[in-house]
């Protein structure tokens, strides 16, 4: 391995790869991705499911009604957004 690193091209490629990896990892932001919950048919079921999404990393938002427009008339369902804590 030591003989390979004595070659200028190999040494410069290893250096460039290490610098690129450091740059990518150094400038990456943490994943603060909020995501939607599953769909619930009633607000009672939605509110009952919210405590299962409470953790040290996440907290659920309030339940709200949304509509599935793939049907006529549009079908309502309830859901909430799970927020990532900063």
C-alpha atoms as a PDB file:
ATOM      1  CA  UNK A   1       0.000   0.000   0.000  1.00  0.00           C
ATOM      2  CA  UNK A   2       2.839   2.389   0.812  1.00  0.00           C
ATOM      3  CA  UNK A   3       4.380   1.900  -2.653  1.00  0.00           C
ATOM      4  CA  UNK A   4       1.082   2.690  -4.360  1.00  0.00           C
ATOM      5  CA  UNK A   5       0.741   5.994  -2.500  1.00  0.00           C
ATOM      6  CA  UNK A   6       4.154   7.092  -3.738  1.00  0.00           C
ATOM      7  CA  UNK A   7       2.762   7.488  -7.238  1.00  0.00           C
ATOM      8  CA  UNK A   8       1.663  11.098  -7.810  1.00  0.00           C
ATOM      9  CA  UNK A   9      -1.570  10.249  -9.665  1.00  0.00           C
ATOM     10  CA  UNK A  10      -2.751   7.795  -7.069  1.00  0.00           C
ATOM     11  CA  UNK A  11      -1.852  10.137  -4.236  1.00  0.00           C
ATOM     12  CA  UNK A  12      -3.723  13.019  -5.873  1.00  0.00           C
ATOM     13  CA  UNK A  13      -6.782  10.802  -6.502  1.00  0.00           C
ATOM     14  CA  UNK A  14      -6.839   9.667  -2.872  1.00  0.00           C
ATOM     15  CA  UNK A  15      -6.437  13.260  -1.696  1.00  0.00           C
ATOM     16  CA  UNK A  16      -9.216  14.481  -4.007  1.00  0.00           C
ATOM     17  CA  UNK A  17     -11.563  11.704  -2.871  1.00  0.00           C
ATOM     18  CA  UNK A  18     -10.907  12.471   0.789  1.00  0.00           C
ATOM     19  CA  UNK A  19     -11.457  16.198   0.278  1.00  0.00           C
ATOM     20  CA  UNK A  20     -14.655  15.593  -1.673  1.00  0.00           C
ATOM     21  CA  UNK A  21     -16.011  13.251   1.002  1.00  0.00           C
ATOM     22  CA  UNK A  22     -15.165  15.790   3.705  1.00  0.00           C
ATOM     23  CA  UNK A  23     -16.855  18.575   1.762  1.00  0.00           C
ATOM     24  CA  UNK A  24     -20.013  16.537   1.171  1.00  0.00           C
ATOM     25  CA  UNK A  25     -20.271  15.388   4.774  1.00  0.00           C
ATOM     26  CA  UNK A  26     -19.318  18.786   6.184  1.00  0.00           C
ATOM     27  CA  UNK A  27     -21.953  20.723   4.283  1.00  0.00           C
ATOM     28  CA  UNK A  28     -24.781  18.201   4.687  1.00  0.00           C
ATOM     29  CA  UNK A  29     -27.742  19.356   6.736  1.00  0.00           C
ATOM     30  CA  UNK A  30     -29.545  17.065   9.142  1.00  0.00           C
ATOM     31  CA  UNK A  31     -32.684  15.417   7.852  1.00  0.00           C
ATOM     32  CA  UNK A  32     -35.547  17.433   9.292  1.00  0.00           C
ATOM     33  CA  UNK A  33     -38.220  15.810   7.209  1.00  0.00           C
ATOM     34  CA  UNK A  34     -41.815  16.187   8.317  1.00  0.00           C
ATOM     35  CA  UNK A  35     -44.012  13.383   7.063  1.00  0.00           C
ATOM     36  CA  UNK A  36     -47.757  12.699   6.881  1.00  0.00           C
ATOM     37  CA  UNK A  37     -49.459  10.086   9.017  1.00  0.00           C
ATOM     38  CA  UNK A  38     -51.558   7.283   7.564  1.00  0.00           C
ATOM     39  CA  UNK A  39     -55.145   8.061   6.641  1.00  0.00           C
ATOM     40  CA  UNK A  40     -57.836   7.593   9.278  1.00  0.00           C
ATOM     41  CA  UNK A  41     -61.545   7.301   8.574  1.00  0.00           C
ATOM     42  CA  UNK A  42     -62.723   9.194  11.673  1.00  0.00           C
ATOM     43  CA  UNK A  43     -61.326  12.049  13.771  1.00  0.00           C
ATOM     44  CA  UNK A  44     -61.562   9.815  16.858  1.00  0.00           C
ATOM     45  CA  UNK A  45     -59.252   7.226  15.263  1.00  0.00           C
ATOM     46  CA  UNK A  46     -56.885   9.996  14.198  1.00  0.00           C
ATOM     47  CA  UNK A  47     -56.675  11.481  17.693  1.00  0.00           C
ATOM     48  CA  UNK A  48     -56.236   8.010  19.209  1.00  0.00           C
ATOM     49  CA  UNK A  49     -53.223   7.316  16.952  1.00  0.00           C
ATOM     50  CA  UNK A  50     -51.371  10.572  17.688  1.00  0.00           C
ATOM     51  CA  UNK A  51     -49.730   9.457  21.000  1.00  0.00           C
ATOM     52  CA  UNK A  52     -47.932   6.606  19.204  1.00  0.00           C
ATOM     53  CA  UNK A  53     -45.968   9.191  17.183  1.00  0.00           C
ATOM     54  CA  UNK A  54     -44.581  11.080  20.198  1.00  0.00           C
ATOM     55  CA  UNK A  55     -40.856  10.467  20.731  1.00  0.00           C
ATOM     56  CA  UNK A  56     -37.717  12.392  21.560  1.00  0.00           C
ATOM     57  CA  UNK A  57     -37.306  13.092  17.811  1.00  0.00           C
ATOM     58  CA  UNK A  58     -40.872  13.599  16.627  1.00  0.00           C
ATOM     59  CA  UNK A  59     -44.101  15.228  17.709  1.00  0.00           C
ATOM     60  CA  UNK A  60     -47.479  14.925  15.962  1.00  0.00           C
ATOM     61  CA  UNK A  61     -49.453  17.943  14.845  1.00  0.00           C
ATOM     62  CA  UNK A  62     -53.228  18.327  15.155  1.00  0.00           C
ATOM     63  CA  UNK A  63     -55.605  16.176  13.132  1.00  0.00           C
ATOM     64  CA  UNK A  64     -57.154  17.787  10.090  1.00  0.00           C
ATOM     65  CA  UNK A  65     -59.555  16.719   7.386  1.00  0.00           C
ATOM     66  CA  UNK A  66     -58.368  16.120   3.819  1.00  0.00           C
ATOM     67  CA  UNK A  67     -60.182  14.826   0.763  1.00  0.00           C
ATOM     68  CA  UNK A  68     -59.434  12.030  -1.682  1.00  0.00           C
ATOM     69  CA  UNK A  69     -60.379  13.411  -5.095  1.00  0.00           C
ATOM     70  CA  UNK A  70     -59.992  10.073  -6.858  1.00  0.00           C
ATOM     71  CA  UNK A  71     -63.649   9.432  -6.005  1.00  0.00           C
ATOM     72  CA  UNK A  72     -66.817  11.321  -6.830  1.00  0.00           C
ATOM     73  CA  UNK A  73     -67.938  12.804  -4.545  1.00  0.00           C
ATOM     74  CA  UNK A  74     -64.566  13.313  -2.827  1.00  0.00           C
ATOM     75  CA  UNK A  75     -64.130  11.135   0.269  1.00  0.00           C
ATOM     76  CA  UNK A  76     -62.945  12.804   3.476  1.00  0.00           C
ATOM     77  CA  UNK A  77     -60.232  11.320   5.678  1.00  0.00           C
ATOM     78  CA  UNK A  78     -58.292  12.581   8.687  1.00  0.00           C
ATOM     79  CA  UNK A  79     -54.551  12.775   9.129  1.00  0.00           C
ATOM     80  CA  UNK A  80     -51.809  14.754  10.892  1.00  0.00           C
ATOM     81  CA  UNK A  81     -48.268  15.825  10.136  1.00  0.00           C
ATOM     82  CA  UNK A  82     -45.463  14.314  12.205  1.00  0.00           C
ATOM     83  CA  UNK A  83     -42.895  17.047  12.839  1.00  0.00           C
ATOM     84  CA  UNK A  84     -39.206  16.441  13.486  1.00  0.00           C
ATOM     85  CA  UNK A  85     -37.947  18.288  16.544  1.00  0.00           C
ATOM     86  CA  UNK A  86     -34.970  20.544  16.047  1.00  0.00           C
END
